[in-house]
């Protein structure tokens, strides 16, 4: 988990200028062009900013580049705060709300896209819910 990562490596975090956090089931479809990493903040994909059930906004929680230690801690430990207030949470909305509380403006990775690779070798559409027949058939021919 992200919380484990942060707690395990926090004594070494000061040795790094930036961090790329990505889910292990990402199937990259576009090359990542790195932004100006001297800017402090968080860089998120420009897609997958899902509306929350019942309204509100969320942001893509599958990939990010973080260039600030305080934001890294918030990003990695945000879910541990939920145990004090259990209720229904929409992951993308909760991430958005957590980052907004910092007064942070998100920076976007505009030309970077990916899909999810499911355990049954299905590559999803950009929404992550449906099968992309074209990509799945191209990379996993039977």
Protein backbone atom coordinates (compact mmCIF):
# COMPACT_ATOMS: atom_id res chain seq x y z
CA UNK A 1 0.00 0.00 0.00
CA UNK A 2 1.02 3.61 -0.36
CA UNK A 3 0.99 4.03 3.40
CA UNK A 4 3.43 1.12 3.77
CA UNK A 5 5.68 2.60 1.08
CA UNK A 6 5.78 5.97 2.79
CA UNK A 7 6.45 4.61 6.28
CA UNK A 8 9.05 2.12 5.08
CA UNK A 9 11.00 4.64 2.99
CA UNK A 10 10.41 7.91 4.86
CA UNK A 11 13.98 8.03 6.17
CA UNK A 12 15.20 7.98 2.53
CA UNK A 13 12.59 10.29 0.98
CA UNK A 14 14.74 13.38 1.50
CA UNK A 15 17.32 11.83 -0.87
CA UNK A 16 14.95 12.19 -3.84
CA UNK A 17 13.59 15.19 -5.73
CA UNK A 18 10.53 13.52 -7.25
CA UNK A 19 8.47 10.37 -7.13
CA UNK A 20 6.43 8.55 -9.76
CA UNK A 21 3.60 6.55 -8.23
CA UNK A 22 1.72 4.20 -10.55
CA UNK A 23 -0.61 1.28 -10.18
CA UNK A 24 0.95 -2.01 -11.21
CA UNK A 25 -1.92 -2.80 -13.61
CA UNK A 26 -1.31 0.16 -15.91
CA UNK A 27 -0.90 -0.55 -19.63
CA UNK A 28 0.93 2.43 -21.12
CA UNK A 29 -0.40 3.59 -24.48
CA UNK A 30 1.45 6.92 -24.74
CA UNK A 31 4.96 8.01 -23.91
CA UNK A 32 5.40 10.05 -20.76
CA UNK A 33 7.01 13.42 -21.37
CA UNK A 34 8.29 14.64 -18.05
CA UNK A 35 7.12 18.06 -16.94
CA UNK A 36 9.39 20.66 -15.37
CA UNK A 37 10.20 18.79 -12.17
CA UNK A 38 11.65 21.88 -10.51
CA UNK A 39 8.04 23.00 -9.90
CA UNK A 40 6.86 21.77 -6.51
CA UNK A 41 3.55 19.98 -6.57
CA UNK A 42 1.68 17.04 -8.02
CA UNK A 43 1.25 16.16 -11.69
CA UNK A 44 -1.79 14.08 -12.63
CA UNK A 45 -2.99 12.66 -15.96
CA UNK A 46 -5.36 15.01 -17.75
CA UNK A 47 -7.98 12.27 -18.09
CA UNK A 48 -9.88 10.15 -15.60
CA UNK A 49 -11.06 13.02 -13.41
CA UNK A 50 -14.31 11.31 -12.64
CA UNK A 51 -17.41 13.00 -11.31
CA UNK A 52 -18.39 11.64 -7.94
CA UNK A 53 -21.65 9.86 -7.32
CA UNK A 54 -24.13 12.56 -6.35
CA UNK A 55 -21.99 15.36 -7.78
CA UNK A 56 -18.56 16.79 -7.10
CA UNK A 57 -15.28 16.13 -8.82
CA UNK A 58 -12.53 13.60 -8.46
CA UNK A 59 -9.06 13.23 -9.88
CA UNK A 60 -7.22 10.30 -11.41
CA UNK A 61 -5.69 8.23 -8.61
CA UNK A 62 -3.90 5.69 -10.80
CA UNK A 63 -0.73 7.62 -11.64
CA UNK A 64 1.04 10.75 -10.42
CA UNK A 65 4.37 12.49 -10.24
CA UNK A 66 5.05 14.25 -6.94
CA UNK A 67 7.86 16.77 -6.42
CA UNK A 68 7.23 17.77 -2.82
CA UNK A 69 7.77 15.67 0.30
CA UNK A 70 4.72 17.09 2.13
CA UNK A 71 2.43 16.24 -0.77
CA UNK A 72 3.96 12.78 -1.00
CA UNK A 73 3.10 12.16 2.65
CA UNK A 74 -0.47 13.40 2.17
CA UNK A 75 -0.94 11.33 -0.99
CA UNK A 76 0.43 8.15 0.55
CA UNK A 77 -1.23 8.35 3.96
CA UNK A 78 -4.63 9.83 3.04
CA UNK A 79 -6.45 6.51 3.29
CA UNK A 80 -5.22 5.84 6.83
CA UNK A 81 -7.26 8.87 7.93
CA UNK A 82 -10.47 7.10 6.88
CA UNK A 83 -10.38 4.67 9.80
CA UNK A 84 -11.31 7.57 12.11
CA UNK A 85 -14.40 8.41 10.06
CA UNK A 86 -15.72 5.30 8.27
CA UNK A 87 -18.37 5.97 5.64
CA UNK A 88 -18.79 5.62 1.86
CA UNK A 89 -15.95 7.26 -0.05
CA UNK A 90 -15.44 7.61 -3.78
CA UNK A 91 -11.67 7.17 -4.28
CA UNK A 92 -11.14 9.87 -6.91
CA UNK A 93 -13.30 12.38 -5.02
CA UNK A 94 -11.55 11.70 -1.73
CA UNK A 95 -8.14 12.24 -3.36
CA UNK A 96 -9.37 15.48 -4.91
CA UNK A 97 -10.73 16.75 -1.58
CA UNK A 98 -7.55 15.75 0.27
CA UNK A 99 -5.35 17.65 -2.18
CA UNK A 100 -7.63 20.71 -2.29
CA UNK A 101 -7.30 21.06 1.49
CA UNK A 102 -3.61 21.77 0.95
CA UNK A 103 -4.43 24.75 -1.29
CA UNK A 104 -2.57 22.95 -4.04
CA UNK A 105 -3.17 23.48 -7.73
CA UNK A 106 -2.79 20.27 -9.69
CA UNK A 107 -0.62 20.28 -12.75
CA UNK A 108 -1.70 18.14 -15.69
CA UNK A 109 0.20 15.62 -17.78
CA UNK A 110 -1.57 16.45 -21.04
CA UNK A 111 -0.08 14.01 -23.54
CA UNK A 112 0.15 10.95 -21.31
CA UNK A 113 -2.51 8.25 -21.46
CA UNK A 114 -2.82 4.68 -20.27
CA UNK A 115 -5.32 1.89 -19.84
CA UNK A 116 -5.72 -0.81 -17.20
CA UNK A 117 -4.54 -4.36 -17.79
CA UNK A 118 -6.85 -6.75 -15.96
CA UNK A 119 -5.66 -10.11 -14.56
CA UNK A 120 -7.39 -11.97 -17.42
CA UNK A 121 -5.29 -10.04 -20.00
CA UNK A 122 -8.13 -7.68 -20.89
CA UNK A 123 -7.01 -4.14 -21.69
CA UNK A 124 -9.70 -1.65 -20.79
CA UNK A 125 -11.13 1.38 -22.55
CA UNK A 126 -10.07 4.75 -21.10
CA UNK A 127 -12.85 4.58 -18.49
CA UNK A 128 -11.32 1.41 -17.07
CA UNK A 129 -14.63 -0.45 -17.05
CA UNK A 130 -15.04 -1.97 -20.51
CA UNK A 131 -12.83 -4.13 -22.71
CA UNK A 132 -10.85 -2.49 -25.48
CA UNK A 133 -11.18 -5.20 -28.11
CA UNK A 134 -8.66 -3.53 -30.41
CA UNK A 135 -5.83 -3.34 -27.85
CA UNK A 136 -6.62 -6.66 -26.18
CA UNK A 137 -6.64 -8.51 -29.51
CA UNK A 138 -3.49 -6.74 -30.68
CA UNK A 139 -1.38 -7.68 -27.64
CA UNK A 140 -2.99 -10.93 -26.49
CA UNK A 141 -3.81 -12.93 -29.59
CA UNK A 142 -5.15 -16.39 -28.90
